[in-house]
């Protein structure tokens, strides 16, 4: 018999992981694909993250991508490129924040 150990994640980890996944959901096409890629980056099991994403989507937490009307195709391309770059920078920043809080807890002598 296989024993499954439950791992409790702090609420801020859950919120950040779900936000990252929702921001990139259009790129991956499904909650499963997004969770498989983003889960390991934030140290959350992919299946756990997939369930969190499904719950967030059911609650209507999907950020919409709206393109402003009246833009030329060059402006739309640049806007899309800048939005993608912005998402990637935010994702990198969130991962670094998670890692720094993790290591801060590990180095705190009160938690040993």
C-alpha atoms as a PDB file:
ATOM      1  CA  UNK A   1       0.000   0.000   0.000  1.00  0.00           C
ATOM      2  CA  UNK A   2       1.278   3.444  -0.918  1.00  0.00           C
ATOM      3  CA  UNK A   3       1.080   6.126   1.719  1.00  0.00           C
ATOM      4  CA  UNK A   4       0.441   9.647   0.544  1.00  0.00           C
ATOM      5  CA  UNK A   5       1.820  12.371   2.735  1.00  0.00           C
ATOM      6  CA  UNK A   6      -0.150  15.588   2.875  1.00  0.00           C
ATOM      7  CA  UNK A   7       1.916  18.711   2.458  1.00  0.00           C
ATOM      8  CA  UNK A   8       0.364  21.924   3.703  1.00  0.00           C
ATOM      9  CA  UNK A   9       1.230  24.991   1.683  1.00  0.00           C
ATOM     10  CA  UNK A  10       1.073  28.487   3.168  1.00  0.00           C
ATOM     11  CA  UNK A  11      -1.772  30.600   1.752  1.00  0.00           C
ATOM     12  CA  UNK A  12       0.637  33.054   0.123  1.00  0.00           C
ATOM     13  CA  UNK A  13       2.288  30.204  -1.811  1.00  0.00           C
ATOM     14  CA  UNK A  14      -1.098  29.017  -3.014  1.00  0.00           C
ATOM     15  CA  UNK A  15      -2.183  32.511  -4.077  1.00  0.00           C
ATOM     16  CA  UNK A  16       1.052  33.251  -5.936  1.00  0.00           C
ATOM     17  CA  UNK A  17       1.164  29.855  -7.639  1.00  0.00           C
ATOM     18  CA  UNK A  18      -2.444  30.165  -8.827  1.00  0.00           C
ATOM     19  CA  UNK A  19      -1.870  33.736 -10.019  1.00  0.00           C
ATOM     20  CA  UNK A  20       1.203  32.660 -11.986  1.00  0.00           C
ATOM     21  CA  UNK A  21      -0.678  29.772 -13.551  1.00  0.00           C
ATOM     22  CA  UNK A  22      -3.715  31.873 -14.460  1.00  0.00           C
ATOM     23  CA  UNK A  23      -1.519  34.526 -16.046  1.00  0.00           C
ATOM     24  CA  UNK A  24       0.130  31.890 -18.245  1.00  0.00           C
ATOM     25  CA  UNK A  25      -2.911  29.677 -18.853  1.00  0.00           C
ATOM     26  CA  UNK A  26      -3.445  30.920 -22.416  1.00  0.00           C
ATOM     27  CA  UNK A  27       0.130  29.973 -23.311  1.00  0.00           C
ATOM     28  CA  UNK A  28      -0.225  26.408 -22.076  1.00  0.00           C
ATOM     29  CA  UNK A  29      -3.791  25.779 -23.170  1.00  0.00           C
ATOM     30  CA  UNK A  30      -4.929  23.797 -20.144  1.00  0.00           C
ATOM     31  CA  UNK A  31      -4.738  23.821 -16.373  1.00  0.00           C
ATOM     32  CA  UNK A  32      -2.878  20.512 -16.504  1.00  0.00           C
ATOM     33  CA  UNK A  33      -0.153  21.802 -18.836  1.00  0.00           C
ATOM     34  CA  UNK A  34       0.247  25.031 -16.859  1.00  0.00           C
ATOM     35  CA  UNK A  35       0.457  23.111 -13.576  1.00  0.00           C
ATOM     36  CA  UNK A  36       3.059  20.696 -14.994  1.00  0.00           C
ATOM     37  CA  UNK A  37       5.331  23.613 -15.907  1.00  0.00           C
ATOM     38  CA  UNK A  38       4.695  26.091 -13.093  1.00  0.00           C
ATOM     39  CA  UNK A  39       4.276  23.621 -10.205  1.00  0.00           C
ATOM     40  CA  UNK A  40       7.945  22.609 -10.019  1.00  0.00           C
ATOM     41  CA  UNK A  41       9.017  26.249 -10.317  1.00  0.00           C
ATOM     42  CA  UNK A  42       7.148  27.172  -7.130  1.00  0.00           C
ATOM     43  CA  UNK A  43       7.727  23.848  -5.354  1.00  0.00           C
ATOM     44  CA  UNK A  44       4.076  22.771  -5.492  1.00  0.00           C
ATOM     45  CA  UNK A  45       3.026  19.341  -6.741  1.00  0.00           C
ATOM     46  CA  UNK A  46       1.502  19.723 -10.207  1.00  0.00           C
ATOM     47  CA  UNK A  47      -1.706  17.905  -9.336  1.00  0.00           C
ATOM     48  CA  UNK A  48      -2.253  20.110  -6.293  1.00  0.00           C
ATOM     49  CA  UNK A  49      -1.706  23.214  -8.411  1.00  0.00           C
ATOM     50  CA  UNK A  50      -4.054  21.869 -11.109  1.00  0.00           C
ATOM     51  CA  UNK A  51      -6.830  21.486  -8.528  1.00  0.00           C
ATOM     52  CA  UNK A  52      -6.196  24.999  -7.220  1.00  0.00           C
ATOM     53  CA  UNK A  53      -6.401  26.333 -10.786  1.00  0.00           C
ATOM     54  CA  UNK A  54      -9.684  24.489 -11.422  1.00  0.00           C
ATOM     55  CA  UNK A  55     -11.174  25.936  -8.224  1.00  0.00           C
ATOM     56  CA  UNK A  56     -10.039  29.438  -9.155  1.00  0.00           C
ATOM     57  CA  UNK A  57     -11.518  29.086 -12.639  1.00  0.00           C
ATOM     58  CA  UNK A  58     -14.792  27.800 -11.193  1.00  0.00           C
ATOM     59  CA  UNK A  59     -14.881  30.860  -8.935  1.00  0.00           C
ATOM     60  CA  UNK A  60     -14.418  33.111 -11.960  1.00  0.00           C
ATOM     61  CA  UNK A  61     -10.840  34.186 -11.230  1.00  0.00           C
ATOM     62  CA  UNK A  62      -9.678  34.207 -14.821  1.00  0.00           C
ATOM     63  CA  UNK A  63      -7.856  37.340 -15.864  1.00  0.00           C
ATOM     64  CA  UNK A  64      -8.981  38.431 -19.328  1.00  0.00           C
ATOM     65  CA  UNK A  65      -6.721  39.466 -22.150  1.00  0.00           C
ATOM     66  CA  UNK A  66      -8.299  42.439 -23.812  1.00  0.00           C
ATOM     67  CA  UNK A  67      -6.633  44.151 -26.724  1.00  0.00           C
ATOM     68  CA  UNK A  68      -7.380  47.842 -27.050  1.00  0.00           C
ATOM     69  CA  UNK A  69      -9.352  48.683 -30.214  1.00  0.00           C
ATOM     70  CA  UNK A  70      -7.875  51.081 -32.736  1.00  0.00           C
ATOM     71  CA  UNK A  71      -4.302  49.795 -32.568  1.00  0.00           C
ATOM     72  CA  UNK A  72      -2.273  49.060 -35.661  1.00  0.00           C
ATOM     73  CA  UNK A  73      -0.991  45.514 -36.141  1.00  0.00           C
ATOM     74  CA  UNK A  74       2.547  46.659 -35.231  1.00  0.00           C
ATOM     75  CA  UNK A  75       1.224  48.214 -32.017  1.00  0.00           C
ATOM     76  CA  UNK A  76      -0.747  45.052 -31.210  1.00  0.00           C
ATOM     77  CA  UNK A  77       2.352  42.924 -31.777  1.00  0.00           C
ATOM     78  CA  UNK A  78       4.416  45.176 -29.533  1.00  0.00           C
ATOM     79  CA  UNK A  79       1.688  45.186 -26.881  1.00  0.00           C
ATOM     80  CA  UNK A  80       1.521  41.388 -26.964  1.00  0.00           C
ATOM     81  CA  UNK A  81       5.322  41.144 -26.727  1.00  0.00           C
ATOM     82  CA  UNK A  82       5.437  43.584 -23.807  1.00  0.00           C
ATOM     83  CA  UNK A  83       2.622  41.783 -21.979  1.00  0.00           C
ATOM     84  CA  UNK A  84       4.437  38.476 -22.384  1.00  0.00           C
ATOM     85  CA  UNK A  85       7.701  40.006 -21.169  1.00  0.00           C
ATOM     86  CA  UNK A  86       5.858  41.562 -18.226  1.00  0.00           C
ATOM     87  CA  UNK A  87       4.291  38.184 -17.306  1.00  0.00           C
ATOM     88  CA  UNK A  88       7.673  36.478 -17.470  1.00  0.00           C
ATOM     89  CA  UNK A  89       9.290  39.134 -15.286  1.00  0.00           C
ATOM     90  CA  UNK A  90       6.453  38.923 -12.763  1.00  0.00           C
ATOM     91  CA  UNK A  91       6.766  35.130 -12.724  1.00  0.00           C
ATOM     92  CA  UNK A  92      10.503  35.344 -12.132  1.00  0.00           C
ATOM     93  CA  UNK A  93       9.933  37.881  -9.374  1.00  0.00           C
ATOM     94  CA  UNK A  94       7.304  35.696  -7.659  1.00  0.00           C
ATOM     95  CA  UNK A  95       9.593  32.661  -7.804  1.00  0.00           C
ATOM     96  CA  UNK A  96      12.433  34.663  -6.269  1.00  0.00           C
ATOM     97  CA  UNK A  97      10.121  35.929  -3.514  1.00  0.00           C
ATOM     98  CA  UNK A  98       8.998  32.385  -2.723  1.00  0.00           C
ATOM     99  CA  UNK A  99      12.573  31.133  -2.671  1.00  0.00           C
ATOM    100  CA  UNK A 100      13.771  33.952  -0.431  1.00  0.00           C
ATOM    101  CA  UNK A 101      10.942  33.398   2.077  1.00  0.00           C
ATOM    102  CA  UNK A 102      11.668  29.668   2.058  1.00  0.00           C
ATOM    103  CA  UNK A 103      15.362  30.187   2.753  1.00  0.00           C
ATOM    104  CA  UNK A 104      14.635  32.845   5.362  1.00  0.00           C
ATOM    105  CA  UNK A 105      12.510  30.310   7.265  1.00  0.00           C
ATOM    106  CA  UNK A 106      15.220  27.673   6.899  1.00  0.00           C
ATOM    107  CA  UNK A 107      17.841  30.020   8.340  1.00  0.00           C
ATOM    108  CA  UNK A 108      15.640  31.236  11.195  1.00  0.00           C
ATOM    109  CA  UNK A 109      16.948  29.592  14.408  1.00  0.00           C
ATOM    110  CA  UNK A 110      13.470  29.655  15.936  1.00  0.00           C
ATOM    111  CA  UNK A 111      12.253  27.075  13.395  1.00  0.00           C
ATOM    112  CA  UNK A 112      14.863  24.429  14.102  1.00  0.00           C
END
